[in-house]
Amino acid sequence: MSTDQPQDLTSKIGSNLPFLRRYARALTGSQVEGDKYAVATLEAILSDTSIFDHEASNKVALFKVFHTIWSTSGATFSAGETGVAAKAQKHLSRLTSDTREALLLHTVEELPFEDVASVLDISAHEAENLVDIAYTEMAKSLAGRVMIIEDEAIIAMDLEAIVSDMGHAVTGIARTADAAVHLYNTEKPHLIMSDIQLADGSSGVDAVNKIVEDDPDIPVIFITAFPERLLTGEGPEPAFLISKPYTEEQVRSAVSQAMFFSSTETLKA
């Protein structure tokens, strides 16, 4: 039995809470729904601290509790969902169980396969196999148009290459907030990838906020060197978030997850 004092457990959880929220949001595609699962995880630990695995790393222990709740709930969105979430649930029903979870844990959350296995209560070999299956199944099920907001030419070109290689079409690259809004109005994308700080000092967040006023259902991936700064618990926050410097795997995973929540009917059914 753990001898941790409440403040010790709070410290262990607190430093990893932004990443749990990021993971939960990527699974649900929603700030509100993702945070519901995160809160349920915290409440479960507070009611029974023994479920927090003190033999594992703090992040793995926290994610293990989350996954127990997620899987027990049926790994679904709220009952009666319509629109974006309903479409995502339709896609989800066609995928092999635990593939999205394994993909996110390994790529976006950067857990080695041994830790992914611990979270999902499977073997490391099974975890690796699930990631391979995830890439294959999600690539076959979804394809669409992606708009990139990025002021650094090399990064923009790299993102364009990764997205194109996945089978998606890039509608264009915007270097400023004004250019981003113009590009969006010129050719509507299914997904937006956006940096935070842009060339002229404008904000990718501001550009996205203007676009979302017109199309509140469009999924957005933010790319930032400081993801925890966008997960404060105050005000609107992104559902999809990857860190700089990113890896190709992280981009591929985030794009695949975000495309799950596109509400357009032009995506492959």
C-alpha atoms as a PDB file:
ATOM      1  CA  MET A   1       0.000   0.000   0.000  1.00  0.00           C
ATOM      2  CA  SER A   2       1.269   3.480  -0.862  1.00  0.00           C
ATOM      3  CA  THR A   3       2.442   5.771   1.921  1.00  0.00           C
ATOM      4  CA  ASP A   4       2.156   8.870  -0.275  1.00  0.00           C
ATOM      5  CA  GLN A   5       0.622  11.897   1.366  1.00  0.00           C
ATOM      6  CA  PRO A   6      -2.212  13.619  -0.543  1.00  0.00           C
ATOM      7  CA  GLN A   7       0.091  16.438  -1.609  1.00  0.00           C
ATOM      8  CA  ASP A   8       2.598  13.917  -2.989  1.00  0.00           C
ATOM      9  CA  LEU A   9      -0.071  12.269  -5.132  1.00  0.00           C
ATOM     10  CA  THR A  10      -1.327  15.675  -6.244  1.00  0.00           C
ATOM     11  CA  SER A  11       2.174  16.561  -7.406  1.00  0.00           C
ATOM     12  CA  LYS A  12       2.535  13.297  -9.324  1.00  0.00           C
ATOM     13  CA  ILE A  13      -0.770  13.836 -11.094  1.00  0.00           C
ATOM     14  CA  GLY A  14      -0.493  17.577 -11.623  1.00  0.00           C
ATOM     15  CA  SER A  15       2.589  17.546 -13.818  1.00  0.00           C
ATOM     16  CA  ASN A  16       0.988  15.006 -16.162  1.00  0.00           C
ATOM     17  CA  LEU A  17      -2.569  16.344 -16.177  1.00  0.00           C
ATOM     18  CA  PRO A  18      -2.113  18.562 -19.283  1.00  0.00           C
ATOM     19  CA  PHE A  19      -1.010  15.508 -21.254  1.00  0.00           C
ATOM     20  CA  LEU A  20      -3.900  13.386 -19.984  1.00  0.00           C
ATOM     21  CA  ARG A  21      -6.270  16.117 -21.141  1.00  0.00           C
ATOM     22  CA  ARG A  22      -4.557  16.222 -24.536  1.00  0.00           C
ATOM     23  CA  TYR A  23      -4.924  12.459 -24.887  1.00  0.00           C
ATOM     24  CA  ALA A  24      -8.570  12.486 -23.776  1.00  0.00           C
ATOM     25  CA  ARG A  25      -9.433  15.237 -26.224  1.00  0.00           C
ATOM     26  CA  ALA A  26      -7.766  13.482 -29.131  1.00  0.00           C
ATOM     27  CA  LEU A  27      -9.833  10.377 -28.407  1.00  0.00           C
ATOM     28  CA  THR A  28     -13.128  12.252 -28.147  1.00  0.00           C
ATOM     29  CA  GLY A  29     -12.410  15.165 -30.492  1.00  0.00           C
ATOM     30  CA  SER A  30     -13.854  17.529 -27.909  1.00  0.00           C
ATOM     31  CA  GLN A  31     -12.588  19.738 -25.103  1.00  0.00           C
ATOM     32  CA  VAL A  32     -15.789  19.170 -23.139  1.00  0.00           C
ATOM     33  CA  GLU A  33     -16.001  15.403 -23.601  1.00  0.00           C
ATOM     34  CA  GLY A  34     -12.278  14.869 -23.114  1.00  0.00           C
ATOM     35  CA  ASP A  35     -12.250  16.827 -19.888  1.00  0.00           C
ATOM     36  CA  LYS A  36     -15.213  14.841 -18.593  1.00  0.00           C
ATOM     37  CA  TYR A  37     -13.079  11.709 -18.810  1.00  0.00           C
ATOM     38  CA  ALA A  38     -10.099  13.483 -17.245  1.00  0.00           C
ATOM     39  CA  VAL A  39     -12.241  14.649 -14.323  1.00  0.00           C
ATOM     40  CA  ALA A  40     -13.656  11.155 -13.891  1.00  0.00           C
ATOM     41  CA  THR A  41     -10.084   9.845 -13.728  1.00  0.00           C
ATOM     42  CA  LEU A  42      -9.130  12.292 -10.986  1.00  0.00           C
ATOM     43  CA  GLU A  43     -12.288  11.549  -9.019  1.00  0.00           C
ATOM     44  CA  ALA A  44     -11.609   7.815  -9.214  1.00  0.00           C
ATOM     45  CA  ILE A  45      -8.071   8.256  -7.873  1.00  0.00           C
ATOM     46  CA  LEU A  46      -9.198  10.562  -5.068  1.00  0.00           C
ATOM     47  CA  SER A  47     -11.855   8.080  -3.988  1.00  0.00           C
ATOM     48  CA  ASP A  48      -9.410   5.154  -4.031  1.00  0.00           C
ATOM     49  CA  THR A  49      -5.714   6.040  -4.185  1.00  0.00           C
ATOM     50  CA  SER A  50      -4.761   2.366  -4.422  1.00  0.00           C
ATOM     51  CA  ILE A  51      -5.760   2.309  -8.107  1.00  0.00           C
ATOM     52  CA  PHE A  52      -2.820   4.628  -8.897  1.00  0.00           C
ATOM     53  CA  ASP A  53       0.009   2.247  -9.777  1.00  0.00           C
ATOM     54  CA  HIS A  54       2.997   3.493  -7.782  1.00  0.00           C
ATOM     55  CA  GLU A  55       5.246   0.880  -9.416  1.00  0.00           C
ATOM     56  CA  ALA A  56       4.790   2.557 -12.812  1.00  0.00           C
ATOM     57  CA  SER A  57       5.897   6.020 -13.913  1.00  0.00           C
ATOM     58  CA  ASN A  58       3.510   8.788 -12.872  1.00  0.00           C
ATOM     59  CA  LYS A  59       2.298   9.369 -16.430  1.00  0.00           C
ATOM     60  CA  VAL A  60       1.687   5.684 -17.080  1.00  0.00           C
ATOM     61  CA  ALA A  61      -0.091   5.262 -13.735  1.00  0.00           C
ATOM     62  CA  LEU A  62      -2.412   8.183 -14.500  1.00  0.00           C
ATOM     63  CA  PHE A  63      -3.143   6.971 -18.018  1.00  0.00           C
ATOM     64  CA  LYS A  64      -3.855   3.458 -16.751  1.00  0.00           C
ATOM     65  CA  VAL A  65      -6.627   4.767 -14.521  1.00  0.00           C
ATOM     66  CA  PHE A  66      -7.992   6.858 -17.372  1.00  0.00           C
ATOM     67  CA  HIS A  67      -8.020   3.903 -19.732  1.00  0.00           C
ATOM     68  CA  THR A  68      -9.871   1.735 -17.230  1.00  0.00           C
ATOM     69  CA  ILE A  69     -12.640   4.332 -17.158  1.00  0.00           C
ATOM     70  CA  TRP A  70     -12.530   4.882 -20.922  1.00  0.00           C
ATOM     71  CA  SER A  71     -12.763   1.194 -21.768  1.00  0.00           C
ATOM     72  CA  THR A  72     -15.411   0.529 -19.113  1.00  0.00           C
ATOM     73  CA  SER A  73     -17.581   3.254 -20.636  1.00  0.00           C
ATOM     74  CA  GLY A  74     -17.367   1.488 -23.973  1.00  0.00           C
ATOM     75  CA  ALA A  75     -14.822   3.959 -25.389  1.00  0.00           C
ATOM     76  CA  THR A  76     -17.630   6.001 -26.884  1.00  0.00           C
ATOM     77  CA  PHE A  77     -18.949   9.539 -26.939  1.00  0.00           C
ATOM     78  CA  SER A  78     -22.003  10.677 -25.030  1.00  0.00           C
ATOM     79  CA  ALA A  79     -25.251   8.922 -25.826  1.00  0.00           C
ATOM     80  CA  GLY A  80     -27.387  10.645 -28.413  1.00  0.00           C
ATOM     81  CA  GLU A  81     -24.490  12.357 -30.176  1.00  0.00           C
ATOM     82  CA  THR A  82     -25.229  13.838 -33.576  1.00  0.00           C
ATOM     83  CA  GLY A  83     -23.229  15.595 -36.283  1.00  0.00           C
ATOM     84  CA  VAL A  84     -19.448  15.417 -35.930  1.00  0.00           C
ATOM     85  CA  ALA A  85     -19.326  13.042 -32.961  1.00  0.00           C
ATOM     86  CA  ALA A  86     -21.882  10.704 -34.526  1.00  0.00           C
ATOM     87  CA  LYS A  87     -19.846  10.546 -37.748  1.00  0.00           C
ATOM     88  CA  ALA A  88     -16.710   9.863 -35.739  1.00  0.00           C
ATOM     89  CA  GLN A  89     -18.494   7.097 -33.822  1.00  0.00           C
ATOM     90  CA  LYS A  90     -19.503   5.535 -37.141  1.00  0.00           C
ATOM     91  CA  HIS A  91     -15.858   5.466 -38.241  1.00  0.00           C
ATOM     92  CA  LEU A  92     -14.748   4.228 -34.839  1.00  0.00           C
ATOM     93  CA  SER A  93     -17.052   1.221 -35.001  1.00  0.00           C
ATOM     94  CA  ARG A  94     -15.154  -0.029 -38.049  1.00  0.00           C
ATOM     95  CA  LEU A  95     -11.705   0.003 -36.459  1.00  0.00           C
ATOM     96  CA  THR A  96      -9.928  -2.709 -34.502  1.00  0.00           C
ATOM     97  CA  SER A  97     -10.335  -2.173 -30.762  1.00  0.00           C
ATOM     98  CA  ASP A  98      -7.623  -0.103 -29.019  1.00  0.00           C
ATOM     99  CA  THR A  99      -5.865   0.900 -32.252  1.00  0.00           C
ATOM    100  CA  ARG A 100      -6.455   4.652 -31.873  1.00  0.00           C
ATOM    101  CA  GLU A 101      -5.484   4.523 -28.227  1.00  0.00           C
ATOM    102  CA  ALA A 102      -2.236   2.712 -28.975  1.00  0.00           C
ATOM    103  CA  LEU A 103      -1.420   5.107 -31.806  1.00  0.00           C
ATOM    104  CA  LEU A 104      -1.951   8.211 -29.672  1.00  0.00           C
ATOM    105  CA  LEU A 105      -0.086   6.839 -26.677  1.00  0.00           C
ATOM    106  CA  HIS A 106       2.943   5.873 -28.751  1.00  0.00           C
ATOM    107  CA  THR A 107       3.138   8.838 -31.111  1.00  0.00           C
ATOM    108  CA  VAL A 108       1.593  11.952 -29.563  1.00  0.00           C
ATOM    109  CA  GLU A 109       2.260  11.010 -25.926  1.00  0.00           C
ATOM    110  CA  GLU A 110       5.601   9.423 -26.858  1.00  0.00           C
ATOM    111  CA  LEU A 111       5.258   6.353 -24.667  1.00  0.00           C
ATOM    112  CA  PRO A 112       7.478   3.395 -25.584  1.00  0.00           C
ATOM    113  CA  PHE A 113       5.624   0.225 -26.535  1.00  0.00           C
ATOM    114  CA  GLU A 114       6.298  -1.260 -23.089  1.00  0.00           C
ATOM    115  CA  ASP A 115       4.431   1.640 -21.475  1.00  0.00           C
ATOM    116  CA  VAL A 116       1.637   1.537 -24.056  1.00  0.00           C
ATOM    117  CA  ALA A 117       1.268  -2.128 -23.203  1.00  0.00           C
ATOM    118  CA  SER A 118       1.047  -1.307 -19.504  1.00  0.00           C
ATOM    119  CA  VAL A 119      -1.659   1.306 -20.062  1.00  0.00           C
ATOM    120  CA  LEU A 120      -3.729  -0.974 -22.291  1.00  0.00           C
ATOM    121  CA  ASP A 121      -2.972  -4.132 -20.280  1.00  0.00           C
ATOM    122  CA  ILE A 122      -1.547  -6.011 -23.262  1.00  0.00           C
ATOM    123  CA  SER A 123       1.910  -7.191 -24.359  1.00  0.00           C
ATOM    124  CA  ALA A 124       4.462  -4.865 -25.968  1.00  0.00           C
ATOM    125  CA  HIS A 125       4.250  -6.910 -29.170  1.00  0.00           C
ATOM    126  CA  GLU A 126       0.480  -6.483 -29.233  1.00  0.00           C
ATOM    127  CA  ALA A 127       0.892  -2.737 -28.660  1.00  0.00           C
ATOM    128  CA  GLU A 128       3.258  -2.442 -31.619  1.00  0.00           C
ATOM    129  CA  ASN A 129       0.906  -4.451 -33.786  1.00  0.00           C
ATOM    130  CA  LEU A 130      -2.039  -2.212 -32.840  1.00  0.00           C
ATOM    131  CA  VAL A 131      -0.129   0.880 -33.972  1.00  0.00           C
ATOM    132  CA  ASP A 132       0.606  -0.748 -37.331  1.00  0.00           C
ATOM    133  CA  ILE A 133      -3.061  -1.691 -37.711  1.00  0.00           C
ATOM    134  CA  ALA A 134      -4.141   1.844 -36.777  1.00  0.00           C
ATOM    135  CA  TYR A 135      -2.093   3.420 -39.547  1.00  0.00           C
ATOM    136  CA  THR A 136      -3.448   0.945 -42.091  1.00  0.00           C
ATOM    137  CA  GLU A 137      -7.109   1.141 -41.103  1.00  0.00           C
ATOM    138  CA  MET A 138      -7.301   4.891 -40.647  1.00  0.00           C
ATOM    139  CA  ALA A 139      -5.461   5.588 -43.897  1.00  0.00           C
ATOM    140  CA  LYS A 140      -8.035   3.512 -45.753  1.00  0.00           C
ATOM    141  CA  SER A 141     -11.067   5.082 -44.095  1.00  0.00           C
ATOM    142  CA  LEU A 142     -10.394   8.819 -44.289  1.00  0.00           C
ATOM    143  CA  ALA A 143      -8.991  11.256 -46.823  1.00  0.00           C
ATOM    144  CA  GLY A 144      -9.663  14.946 -47.332  1.00  0.00           C
ATOM    145  CA  ARG A 145      -8.354  18.479 -47.818  1.00  0.00           C
ATOM    146  CA  VAL A 146      -5.930  20.058 -45.339  1.00  0.00           C
ATOM    147  CA  MET A 147      -5.054  23.729 -44.894  1.00  0.00           C
ATOM    148  CA  ILE A 148      -1.706  24.625 -43.272  1.00  0.00           C
ATOM    149  CA  ILE A 149      -1.044  27.835 -41.314  1.00  0.00           C
ATOM    150  CA  GLU A 150       2.731  28.059 -40.796  1.00  0.00           C
ATOM    151  CA  ASP A 151       5.209  30.904 -41.350  1.00  0.00           C
ATOM    152  CA  GLU A 152       8.431  28.843 -41.405  1.00  0.00           C
ATOM    153  CA  ALA A 153       8.910  27.639 -44.984  1.00  0.00           C
ATOM    154  CA  ILE A 154      10.853  24.489 -44.136  1.00  0.00           C
ATOM    155  CA  ILE A 155       8.301  23.359 -41.556  1.00  0.00           C
ATOM    156  CA  ALA A 156       5.422  24.177 -43.894  1.00  0.00           C
ATOM    157  CA  MET A 157       6.983  22.131 -46.685  1.00  0.00           C
ATOM    158  CA  ASP A 158       7.603  19.241 -44.314  1.00  0.00           C
ATOM    159  CA  LEU A 159       4.005  19.259 -43.078  1.00  0.00           C
ATOM    160  CA  GLU A 160       2.749  19.449 -46.651  1.00  0.00           C
ATOM    161  CA  ALA A 161       4.877  16.442 -47.627  1.00  0.00           C
ATOM    162  CA  ILE A 162       3.682  14.357 -44.674  1.00  0.00           C
ATOM    163  CA  VAL A 163       0.030  15.202 -45.243  1.00  0.00           C
ATOM    164  CA  SER A 164       0.250  14.588 -48.991  1.00  0.00           C
ATOM    165  CA  ASP A 165       2.003  11.268 -48.443  1.00  0.00           C
ATOM    166  CA  MET A 166      -0.964  10.233 -46.270  1.00  0.00           C
ATOM    167  CA  GLY A 167      -3.242  10.719 -49.279  1.00  0.00           C
ATOM    168  CA  HIS A 168      -4.706  14.090 -48.305  1.00  0.00           C
ATOM    169  CA  ALA A 169      -4.777  17.162 -50.551  1.00  0.00           C
ATOM    170  CA  VAL A 170      -3.217  20.387 -49.220  1.00  0.00           C
ATOM    171  CA  THR A 171      -5.362  23.409 -50.118  1.00  0.00           C
ATOM    172  CA  GLY A 172      -2.502  25.831 -49.462  1.00  0.00           C
ATOM    173  CA  ILE A 173      -0.108  27.316 -46.913  1.00  0.00           C
ATOM    174  CA  ALA A 174      -0.783  30.610 -45.126  1.00  0.00           C
ATOM    175  CA  ARG A 175       1.971  32.581 -43.343  1.00  0.00           C
ATOM    176  CA  THR A 176      -0.233  35.186 -41.601  1.00  0.00           C
ATOM    177  CA  ALA A 177      -3.634  35.289 -39.930  1.00  0.00           C
ATOM    178  CA  ASP A 178      -5.175  37.395 -42.706  1.00  0.00           C
ATOM    179  CA  ALA A 179      -3.791  35.070 -45.375  1.00  0.00           C
ATOM    180  CA  ALA A 180      -5.204  32.094 -43.485  1.00  0.00           C
ATOM    181  CA  VAL A 181      -8.727  33.526 -43.429  1.00  0.00           C
ATOM    182  CA  HIS A 182      -8.469  34.368 -47.150  1.00  0.00           C
ATOM    183  CA  LEU A 183      -7.209  30.875 -47.992  1.00  0.00           C
ATOM    184  CA  TYR A 184     -10.018  29.295 -46.004  1.00  0.00           C
ATOM    185  CA  ASN A 185     -12.615  31.371 -47.831  1.00  0.00           C
ATOM    186  CA  THR A 186     -11.051  30.516 -51.199  1.00  0.00           C
ATOM    187  CA  GLU A 187     -11.093  26.742 -50.790  1.00  0.00           C
ATOM    188  CA  LYS A 188     -12.814  25.187 -47.780  1.00  0.00           C
ATOM    189  CA  PRO A 189     -10.654  22.471 -46.126  1.00  0.00           C
ATOM    190  CA  HIS A 190     -11.719  19.497 -44.029  1.00  0.00           C
ATOM    191  CA  LEU A 191      -8.923  20.062 -41.515  1.00  0.00           C
ATOM    192  CA  ILE A 192      -6.664  22.934 -40.421  1.00  0.00           C
ATOM    193  CA  MET A 193      -3.101  22.598 -39.089  1.00  0.00           C
ATOM    194  CA  SER A 194      -1.901  25.789 -37.416  1.00  0.00           C
ATOM    195  CA  ASP A 195       1.207  27.195 -35.784  1.00  0.00           C
ATOM    196  CA  ILE A 196       0.633  29.644 -32.933  1.00  0.00           C
ATOM    197  CA  GLN A 197       3.002  32.535 -33.716  1.00  0.00           C
ATOM    198  CA  LEU A 198       3.032  33.699 -37.342  1.00  0.00           C
ATOM    199  CA  ALA A 199       5.339  35.736 -39.575  1.00  0.00           C
ATOM    200  CA  ASP A 200       3.935  39.233 -39.045  1.00  0.00           C
ATOM    201  CA  GLY A 201       3.394  38.769 -35.331  1.00  0.00           C
ATOM    202  CA  SER A 202      -0.197  37.687 -35.879  1.00  0.00           C
ATOM    203  CA  SER A 203      -1.662  34.646 -34.164  1.00  0.00           C
ATOM    204  CA  GLY A 204      -2.684  31.321 -35.610  1.00  0.00           C
ATOM    205  CA  VAL A 205      -5.163  31.073 -32.755  1.00  0.00           C
ATOM    206  CA  ASP A 206      -6.829  34.332 -33.835  1.00  0.00           C
ATOM    207  CA  ALA A 207      -7.036  33.118 -37.425  1.00  0.00           C
ATOM    208  CA  VAL A 208      -8.576  29.823 -36.366  1.00  0.00           C
ATOM    209  CA  ASN A 209     -11.077  31.580 -34.102  1.00  0.00           C
ATOM    210  CA  LYS A 210     -12.308  33.644 -37.064  1.00  0.00           C
ATOM    211  CA  ILE A 211     -12.621  30.532 -39.212  1.00  0.00           C
ATOM    212  CA  VAL A 212     -14.423  28.589 -36.487  1.00  0.00           C
ATOM    213  CA  GLU A 213     -17.061  31.335 -36.319  1.00  0.00           C
ATOM    214  CA  ASP A 214     -18.007  30.316 -39.868  1.00  0.00           C
ATOM    215  CA  ASP A 215     -17.405  26.581 -39.470  1.00  0.00           C
ATOM    216  CA  PRO A 216     -17.541  25.515 -35.793  1.00  0.00           C
ATOM    217  CA  ASP A 217     -17.250  21.808 -36.639  1.00  0.00           C
ATOM    218  CA  ILE A 218     -13.959  21.947 -38.526  1.00  0.00           C
ATOM    219  CA  PRO A 219     -11.179  20.027 -36.698  1.00  0.00           C
ATOM    220  CA  VAL A 220      -7.979  21.958 -35.985  1.00  0.00           C
ATOM    221  CA  ILE A 221      -4.513  20.725 -35.003  1.00  0.00           C
ATOM    222  CA  PHE A 222      -2.343  23.273 -33.207  1.00  0.00           C
ATOM    223  CA  ILE A 223       1.428  22.881 -33.306  1.00  0.00           C
ATOM    224  CA  THR A 224       3.391  24.543 -30.516  1.00  0.00           C
ATOM    225  CA  ALA A 225       6.602  24.237 -28.529  1.00  0.00           C
ATOM    226  CA  PHE A 226       4.637  24.736 -25.308  1.00  0.00           C
ATOM    227  CA  PRO A 227       1.478  22.575 -25.389  1.00  0.00           C
ATOM    228  CA  GLU A 228       0.864  22.956 -21.659  1.00  0.00           C
ATOM    229  CA  ARG A 229       0.297  26.696 -22.182  1.00  0.00           C
ATOM    230  CA  LEU A 230      -2.806  25.915 -24.216  1.00  0.00           C
ATOM    231  CA  LEU A 231      -4.144  23.440 -21.649  1.00  0.00           C
ATOM    232  CA  THR A 232      -4.753  25.756 -18.721  1.00  0.00           C
ATOM    233  CA  GLY A 233      -8.364  24.867 -18.016  1.00  0.00           C
ATOM    234  CA  GLU A 234      -9.420  28.437 -18.776  1.00  0.00           C
ATOM    235  CA  GLY A 235     -11.518  29.243 -21.839  1.00  0.00           C
ATOM    236  CA  PRO A 236     -11.664  27.452 -25.202  1.00  0.00           C
ATOM    237  CA  GLU A 237      -8.771  25.054 -25.759  1.00  0.00           C
ATOM    238  CA  PRO A 238      -7.728  22.874 -28.700  1.00  0.00           C
ATOM    239  CA  ALA A 239      -8.822  19.277 -28.981  1.00  0.00           C
ATOM    240  CA  PHE A 240      -5.776  18.345 -31.078  1.00  0.00           C
ATOM    241  CA  LEU A 241      -2.326  19.480 -30.067  1.00  0.00           C
ATOM    242  CA  ILE A 242       1.187  18.333 -30.999  1.00  0.00           C
ATOM    243  CA  SER A 243       4.508  19.607 -29.745  1.00  0.00           C
ATOM    244  CA  LYS A 244       7.451  21.177 -31.533  1.00  0.00           C
ATOM    245  CA  PRO A 245       9.806  19.703 -32.442  1.00  0.00           C
ATOM    246  CA  TYR A 246       7.417  17.107 -33.810  1.00  0.00           C
ATOM    247  CA  THR A 247       8.051  13.754 -35.443  1.00  0.00           C
ATOM    248  CA  GLU A 248       6.448  12.477 -38.641  1.00  0.00           C
ATOM    249  CA  GLU A 249       4.648   9.848 -36.583  1.00  0.00           C
ATOM    250  CA  GLN A 250       3.103  12.523 -34.363  1.00  0.00           C
ATOM    251  CA  VAL A 251       1.831  14.481 -37.339  1.00  0.00           C
ATOM    252  CA  ARG A 252       0.445  11.390 -39.038  1.00  0.00           C
ATOM    253  CA  SER A 253      -1.286  10.327 -35.838  1.00  0.00           C
ATOM    254  CA  ALA A 254      -2.762  13.753 -35.107  1.00  0.00           C
ATOM    255  CA  VAL A 255      -4.017  14.169 -38.677  1.00  0.00           C
ATOM    256  CA  SER A 256      -5.613  10.727 -38.640  1.00  0.00           C
ATOM    257  CA  GLN A 257      -7.338  11.390 -35.319  1.00  0.00           C
ATOM    258  CA  ALA A 258      -8.544  14.856 -36.317  1.00  0.00           C
ATOM    259  CA  MET A 259      -9.906  13.642 -39.644  1.00  0.00           C
ATOM    260  CA  PHE A 260     -12.085  11.303 -37.607  1.00  0.00           C
ATOM    261  CA  PHE A 261     -14.077  14.320 -36.541  1.00  0.00           C
ATOM    262  CA  SER A 262     -14.595  16.009 -39.898  1.00  0.00           C
ATOM    263  CA  SER A 263     -18.302  16.555 -40.459  1.00  0.00           C
ATOM    264  CA  THR A 264     -18.060  16.719 -44.231  1.00  0.00           C
ATOM    265  CA  GLU A 265     -19.821  14.114 -46.314  1.00  0.00           C
ATOM    266  CA  THR A 266     -17.120  14.207 -48.991  1.00  0.00           C
ATOM    267  CA  LEU A 267     -14.791  12.092 -46.877  1.00  0.00           C
ATOM    268  CA  LYS A 268     -14.709   8.414 -47.683  1.00  0.00           C
ATOM    269  CA  ALA A 269     -17.573   6.719 -45.866  1.00  0.00           C
END
